[in-house]
Amino acid sequence: MNEHFSQPLVTVFGGAGYIGSVLVPLLLNEGYRVRVFDNLLYGDHGIERLDSSRVELIRGDICDTFAVSNACRNAEAVILLAAIVGRRANDINRTTMRDINFLASSVVLDAAVEHGASRFIFASTDSVYGVQSGIIYETTTPEPVTLYSRLKLRMEERVTSRKARGFHPVALRIPTCYGYSPRMRFDLVANSMIRDAVCKKLVTVLGGEQWRALVHVEDAARAFVSCLRAHENLISGEVFNVAAKSQNLQIRDLAKLVLEVRPDSDVRFEDAEPDLLDYHLSCAKIEKILDFEAKHSIRDALIDLAGRLERQEFGDPYRLKYQNT
């Protein structure tokens, strides 16, 4: 028997996206075979150049029930990253949003159960907490205020309710990510600030008093790996905030950090409507139960991105390909 077929298979829906294209190499390093299912709207971002003997790339539509079912065959674990996110989540019509972020996601969940996957890891969002203040724990009552966050919460509840003997689902509430990914995004707050600092010498901040929980994209990806490595009893039916202890900060302080990295730039503050996300996210649960701790600092990531921008690795970083539009 080919030794690769003795390695567990993980199917990653959305595996060519911002988090996915960072996660897939981590899974390979952990010894998994990986099946990536993605519509490749923004390209494959190096997935095809990875170890072809252990990576299978399927270009498909998450709304295609037959294709989704086939993608879950023989998978030990299924990771669901695929969703409408970013600005598209605000602009797209409600029916399409529901079809993809809830109905199609539910089909993925059902297919994972049907084909005998033992673990299912769902990428949720910290925006399920809505407009709250203070420290936010997993036990804090969610108060989603957007259709996107309401659908994510409904899907969370559906995922965790499927906990059963032999099937161990978990939801990860991921805050705003930052940092380099092969499928780069510049529509995320820290990434967009350093881009503007390098390219325009001016960072525009709307408001500034609002808080953001931030996490490096690789640390977010590592959280999924932690859920695969952990004993099933630790993750089954659970929800975790994927947070970094020192990376809850006000947007004005993030702007100051950008200026420390790029002192040749300036910042302009403008009035803005109250922000829908304004709280401090606790990471105590994931640290205690999964022994998970963020490795990356915002400063180092900003320095890294500034260097890449100066080397023009992205060409024009304002192109739509770098935004989820």
Protein backbone atom coordinates (compact mmCIF):
# COMPACT_ATOMS: atom_id res chain seq x y z
CA MET A 1 0.00 0.00 0.00
CA ASN A 2 1.20 3.52 -0.78
CA GLU A 3 2.35 5.01 2.53
CA HIS A 4 0.47 8.24 1.80
CA PHE A 5 -2.88 6.45 1.96
CA SER A 6 -2.16 5.46 5.55
CA GLN A 7 -2.04 9.15 6.46
CA PRO A 8 -5.35 10.69 7.59
CA LEU A 9 -7.19 12.80 5.03
CA VAL A 10 -8.51 16.28 5.85
CA THR A 11 -10.94 17.99 3.47
CA VAL A 12 -10.74 21.78 3.60
CA PHE A 13 -13.63 23.69 2.06
CA GLY A 14 -12.28 27.11 1.13
CA GLY A 15 -8.71 25.83 1.28
CA ALA A 16 -7.40 28.34 -1.27
CA GLY A 17 -8.59 31.38 0.66
CA TYR A 18 -6.86 33.80 3.03
CA ILE A 19 -6.75 31.37 5.96
CA GLY A 20 -6.93 28.21 3.88
CA SER A 21 -3.80 28.84 1.82
CA VAL A 22 -1.88 29.21 5.10
CA LEU A 23 -3.59 26.24 6.76
CA VAL A 24 -2.98 23.68 4.00
CA PRO A 25 0.85 23.74 4.29
CA LEU A 26 0.52 23.45 8.08
CA LEU A 27 -1.63 20.34 7.66
CA LEU A 28 0.94 18.83 5.32
CA ASN A 29 3.67 19.52 7.87
CA GLU A 30 1.57 17.69 10.46
CA GLY A 31 1.50 14.60 8.23
CA TYR A 32 -2.03 14.84 6.86
CA ARG A 33 -3.19 14.33 3.31
CA VAL A 34 -5.27 17.31 2.24
CA ARG A 35 -8.19 17.63 -0.15
CA VAL A 36 -8.90 21.27 -1.01
CA PHE A 37 -12.38 22.16 -2.27
CA ASP A 38 -12.59 25.74 -3.52
CA ASN A 39 -14.23 27.74 -6.30
CA LEU A 40 -10.82 29.36 -6.97
CA LEU A 41 -12.47 32.75 -7.41
CA TYR A 42 -9.15 34.36 -6.53
CA GLY A 43 -6.88 31.62 -7.93
CA ASP A 44 -5.21 28.60 -6.35
CA HIS A 45 -2.38 30.58 -4.67
CA GLY A 46 0.24 27.91 -4.78
CA ILE A 47 -1.94 24.98 -3.71
CA GLU A 48 -1.18 23.15 -6.95
CA ARG A 49 2.57 23.56 -6.40
CA LEU A 50 2.48 21.79 -3.04
CA ASP A 51 3.27 18.09 -2.60
CA SER A 52 1.01 16.68 -5.31
CA SER A 53 1.13 13.19 -3.83
CA ARG A 54 -0.62 14.43 -0.69
CA VAL A 55 -2.72 17.34 -1.98
CA GLU A 56 -5.85 17.01 -4.07
CA LEU A 57 -7.36 20.22 -5.45
CA ILE A 58 -11.03 20.19 -6.45
CA ARG A 59 -12.48 23.24 -8.14
CA GLY A 60 -16.12 23.23 -7.16
CA ASP A 61 -19.16 25.12 -5.93
CA ILE A 62 -20.17 24.64 -2.31
CA CYS A 63 -23.80 24.76 -3.50
CA ASP A 64 -23.23 21.62 -5.60
CA THR A 65 -24.51 18.92 -3.26
CA PHE A 66 -23.07 16.03 -5.27
CA ALA A 67 -19.60 17.60 -5.47
CA VAL A 68 -19.64 18.41 -1.75
CA SER A 69 -20.58 14.85 -0.89
CA ASN A 70 -17.77 13.43 -3.01
CA ALA A 71 -15.29 15.83 -1.41
CA CYS A 72 -16.10 14.40 2.02
CA ARG A 73 -15.53 10.76 1.06
CA ASN A 74 -12.87 9.01 3.14
CA ALA A 75 -12.07 12.20 5.07
CA GLU A 76 -11.04 11.75 8.69
CA ALA A 77 -11.82 15.42 9.31
CA VAL A 78 -13.63 18.21 7.50
CA ILE A 79 -12.79 21.89 7.91
CA LEU A 80 -15.32 24.45 6.69
CA LEU A 81 -13.78 27.83 5.85
CA ALA A 82 -15.81 28.56 2.71
CA ALA A 83 -18.29 31.42 3.12
CA ILE A 84 -19.21 34.83 1.84
CA VAL A 85 -17.14 37.22 3.97
CA GLY A 86 -15.74 40.74 3.88
CA ARG A 87 -17.51 43.47 1.96
CA ARG A 88 -19.38 40.89 -0.09
CA ALA A 89 -21.16 39.88 3.10
CA ASN A 90 -22.58 43.40 3.38
CA ASP A 91 -23.47 43.90 -0.27
CA ILE A 92 -24.81 40.56 -1.46
CA ASN A 93 -28.54 39.83 -1.38
CA ARG A 94 -30.00 38.06 1.63
CA THR A 95 -31.10 34.96 -0.25
CA THR A 96 -27.64 34.28 -1.68
CA MET A 97 -26.08 34.89 1.71
CA ARG A 98 -28.43 32.38 3.34
CA ASP A 99 -27.95 29.85 0.54
CA ILE A 100 -24.17 29.81 0.95
CA ASN A 101 -23.45 30.65 4.58
CA PHE A 102 -26.18 28.47 6.04
CA LEU A 103 -27.87 26.07 3.62
CA ALA A 104 -24.76 25.02 1.68
CA SER A 105 -22.75 24.95 4.90
CA SER A 106 -25.37 22.63 6.38
CA VAL A 107 -24.97 20.32 3.38
CA VAL A 108 -21.22 20.16 4.07
CA LEU A 109 -21.95 19.24 7.68
CA ASP A 110 -24.42 16.53 6.65
CA ALA A 111 -21.96 15.11 4.12
CA ALA A 112 -19.22 14.95 6.73
CA VAL A 113 -21.51 12.97 9.03
CA GLU A 114 -22.73 10.73 6.22
CA HIS A 115 -19.24 9.79 5.10
CA GLY A 116 -17.97 9.05 8.59
CA ALA A 117 -15.66 11.97 9.33
CA SER A 118 -14.70 11.96 12.98
CA ARG A 119 -14.09 15.72 13.31
CA PHE A 120 -15.73 18.81 11.86
CA ILE A 121 -14.19 22.23 12.43
CA PHE A 122 -16.31 25.25 11.56
CA ALA A 123 -14.90 28.72 10.99
CA SER A 124 -17.24 31.11 12.78
CA THR A 125 -16.68 34.75 13.70
CA ASP A 126 -16.34 36.91 16.77
CA SER A 127 -18.98 39.21 15.27
CA VAL A 128 -21.64 36.87 16.70
CA TYR A 129 -21.18 38.84 19.94
CA GLY A 130 -22.54 41.99 18.31
CA VAL A 131 -22.47 45.34 20.09
CA GLN A 132 -21.22 44.60 23.58
CA SER A 133 -18.60 46.01 25.91
CA GLY A 134 -16.13 44.59 28.38
CA ILE A 135 -14.40 41.22 28.22
CA ILE A 136 -16.16 38.70 26.02
CA TYR A 137 -16.04 35.01 26.90
CA GLU A 138 -17.49 32.03 25.05
CA THR A 139 -20.23 32.00 27.68
CA THR A 140 -21.22 35.59 26.85
CA THR A 141 -24.65 35.62 25.24
CA PRO A 142 -24.25 36.29 21.50
CA GLU A 143 -26.08 39.33 20.14
CA PRO A 144 -25.46 39.26 16.36
CA VAL A 145 -26.59 42.38 14.54
CA THR A 146 -25.85 41.57 10.89
CA LEU A 147 -27.25 38.85 8.66
CA TYR A 148 -23.73 37.50 8.26
CA SER A 149 -23.21 37.08 12.01
CA ARG A 150 -26.73 35.74 12.59
CA LEU A 151 -26.20 33.02 9.99
CA LYS A 152 -22.81 32.18 11.46
CA LEU A 153 -24.40 31.76 14.88
CA ARG A 154 -27.19 29.57 13.49
CA MET A 155 -24.60 27.43 11.76
CA GLU A 156 -22.53 27.22 14.95
CA GLU A 157 -25.55 25.92 16.81
CA ARG A 158 -26.26 23.37 14.10
CA VAL A 159 -22.64 22.22 14.07
CA THR A 160 -22.21 21.80 17.82
CA SER A 161 -25.62 20.11 18.20
CA ARG A 162 -24.42 17.25 15.99
CA LYS A 163 -22.00 16.07 18.65
CA ALA A 164 -22.31 12.31 18.87
CA ARG A 165 -20.31 9.20 19.54
CA GLY A 166 -17.73 9.11 16.77
CA PHE A 167 -18.45 12.63 15.51
CA HIS A 168 -16.77 15.58 17.19
CA PRO A 169 -17.71 19.05 15.89
CA VAL A 170 -16.19 22.32 17.07
CA ALA A 171 -16.64 25.99 16.15
CA LEU A 172 -13.87 28.58 16.17
CA ARG A 173 -14.85 32.23 16.60
CA ILE A 174 -12.19 34.02 14.61
CA PRO A 175 -11.61 37.76 15.03
CA THR A 176 -10.15 40.13 12.45
CA CYS A 177 -7.07 38.55 10.92
CA TYR A 178 -3.92 40.25 9.72
CA GLY A 179 -0.61 39.30 8.14
CA TYR A 180 0.72 37.75 4.97
CA SER A 181 -1.05 34.93 3.14
CA PRO A 182 -0.48 33.54 -0.36
CA ARG A 183 -4.10 34.63 -0.97
CA MET A 184 -3.44 38.11 0.27
CA ARG A 185 -6.19 40.44 1.48
CA PHE A 186 -5.86 44.19 1.93
CA ASP A 187 -9.45 44.75 3.06
CA LEU A 188 -8.55 43.86 6.66
CA VAL A 189 -7.81 46.72 9.01
CA ALA A 190 -4.14 46.16 9.89
CA ASN A 191 -3.24 45.07 6.36
CA SER A 192 -4.99 48.05 4.79
CA MET A 193 -3.33 50.49 7.20
CA ILE A 194 0.20 49.33 6.44
CA ARG A 195 -0.59 49.30 2.72
CA ASP A 196 -1.74 52.92 2.88
CA ALA A 197 1.25 53.90 5.01
CA VAL A 198 3.67 52.47 2.46
CA CYS A 199 1.85 53.47 -0.72
CA LYS A 200 0.16 56.76 0.22
CA LYS A 201 2.12 57.88 3.28
CA LEU A 202 -1.27 58.50 4.88
CA VAL A 203 -3.45 56.29 7.06
CA THR A 204 -7.09 57.33 7.38
CA VAL A 205 -8.86 56.13 10.52
CA LEU A 206 -12.63 56.21 10.87
CA GLY A 207 -13.36 56.81 14.53
CA GLY A 208 -10.50 55.19 16.39
CA GLU A 209 -11.99 54.61 19.83
CA GLN A 210 -13.45 51.22 18.89
CA TRP A 211 -11.70 48.07 20.02
CA ARG A 212 -10.66 45.19 17.78
CA ALA A 213 -9.57 41.68 18.61
CA LEU A 214 -6.85 40.76 16.13
CA VAL A 215 -5.06 37.52 15.31
CA HIS A 216 -2.37 36.70 12.78
CA VAL A 217 -3.65 34.56 9.91
CA GLU A 218 -1.10 31.84 10.68
CA ASP A 219 -2.17 31.75 14.33
CA ALA A 220 -5.78 31.43 13.17
CA ALA A 221 -4.72 28.51 10.95
CA ARG A 222 -2.82 26.95 13.86
CA ALA A 223 -6.03 26.92 15.89
CA PHE A 224 -7.58 24.50 13.37
CA VAL A 225 -4.52 22.26 13.64
CA SER A 226 -4.84 22.37 17.43
CA CYS A 227 -8.41 21.09 17.14
CA LEU A 228 -7.21 18.19 15.01
CA ARG A 229 -4.44 17.28 17.45
CA ALA A 230 -6.45 17.64 20.66
CA HIS A 231 -8.19 14.73 22.33
CA GLU A 232 -11.73 14.48 21.00
CA ASN A 233 -13.25 15.00 24.45
CA LEU A 234 -11.64 18.44 24.67
CA ILE A 235 -13.20 19.82 21.50
CA SER A 236 -16.41 17.89 20.90
CA GLY A 237 -19.39 20.25 20.82
CA GLU A 238 -17.26 23.18 21.97
CA VAL A 239 -16.85 26.79 20.84
CA PHE A 240 -13.54 28.65 21.18
CA ASN A 241 -12.54 32.27 20.78
CA VAL A 242 -9.38 32.31 18.66
CA ALA A 243 -7.79 35.29 20.32
CA ALA A 244 -4.37 36.61 21.18
CA LYS A 245 -3.92 37.90 24.72
CA SER A 246 -2.09 41.14 23.87
CA GLN A 247 -3.86 41.84 20.59
CA ASN A 248 -7.09 43.43 21.76
CA LEU A 249 -6.53 47.09 21.02
CA GLN A 250 -8.21 50.28 19.95
CA ILE A 251 -7.98 51.20 16.28
CA ARG A 252 -6.22 54.46 17.15
CA ASP A 253 -3.48 52.44 18.87
CA LEU A 254 -3.18 50.18 15.85
CA ALA A 255 -2.68 53.31 13.73
CA LYS A 256 0.04 54.50 16.12
CA LEU A 257 1.77 51.15 15.78
CA VAL A 258 1.67 51.48 12.00
CA LEU A 259 3.29 54.91 12.29
CA GLU A 260 6.02 53.50 14.51
CA VAL A 261 6.80 51.01 11.76
CA ARG A 262 6.47 53.67 9.03
CA PRO A 263 7.46 57.00 10.64
CA ASP A 264 7.49 58.68 7.22
CA SER A 265 3.69 58.39 7.14
CA ASP A 266 0.89 60.40 8.73
CA VAL A 267 -2.51 59.54 10.18
CA ARG A 268 -5.82 61.32 9.74
CA PHE A 269 -8.76 60.67 12.05
CA GLU A 270 -12.28 61.13 10.72
CA ASP A 271 -15.64 60.97 12.47
CA ALA A 272 -17.54 57.73 11.98
CA GLU A 273 -20.75 56.02 13.00
CA PRO A 274 -20.52 53.80 16.10
CA ASP A 275 -18.75 50.57 15.24
CA LEU A 276 -20.60 47.26 15.33
CA LEU A 277 -17.61 45.47 16.88
CA ASP A 278 -16.35 47.07 20.07
CA TYR A 279 -15.12 44.69 22.78
CA HIS A 280 -12.23 42.78 24.33
CA LEU A 281 -12.10 39.10 23.35
CA SER A 282 -10.96 36.58 25.97
CA CYS A 283 -8.54 33.83 24.95
CA ALA A 284 -8.54 32.08 28.33
CA LYS A 285 -10.51 29.01 27.23
CA ILE A 286 -8.45 28.09 24.17
CA GLU A 287 -5.24 28.68 26.11
CA LYS A 288 -6.31 26.46 28.99
CA ILE A 289 -8.01 23.63 27.10
CA LEU A 290 -5.98 23.43 23.89
CA ASP A 291 -2.75 24.94 25.20
CA PHE A 292 -2.98 27.37 22.30
CA GLU A 293 -1.07 30.62 22.29
CA ALA A 294 -0.57 33.09 19.46
CA LYS A 295 3.03 33.26 18.22
CA HIS A 296 2.96 36.31 15.99
CA SER A 297 3.06 39.99 16.93
CA ILE A 298 1.28 42.76 15.10
CA ARG A 299 4.48 44.79 14.85
CA ASP A 300 6.43 41.97 13.20
CA ALA A 301 3.61 41.34 10.74
CA LEU A 302 3.44 45.03 9.84
CA ILE A 303 7.20 45.10 9.25
CA ASP A 304 6.93 41.99 7.08
CA LEU A 305 4.08 43.40 4.99
CA ALA A 306 5.84 46.75 4.61
CA GLY A 307 8.87 44.96 3.20
CA ARG A 308 6.76 42.96 0.78
CA LEU A 309 4.97 46.11 -0.36
CA GLU A 310 8.26 47.92 -0.89
CA ARG A 311 9.49 44.98 -2.97
CA GLN A 312 6.25 45.24 -4.97
CA GLU A 313 5.42 41.59 -4.39
CA PHE A 314 1.73 42.36 -4.86
CA GLY A 315 1.96 44.62 -7.88
CA ASP A 316 -0.87 47.10 -7.32
CA PRO A 317 -2.12 46.28 -3.79
CA TYR A 318 -5.34 48.22 -4.45
CA ARG A 319 -6.55 45.76 -7.07
CA LEU A 320 -9.87 44.04 -6.39
CA LYS A 321 -8.15 40.64 -6.25
CA TYR A 322 -6.86 41.64 -2.82
CA GLN A 323 -10.34 42.32 -1.46
CA ASN A 324 -13.27 40.02 -0.80
CA THR A 325 -15.61 42.01 -3.04
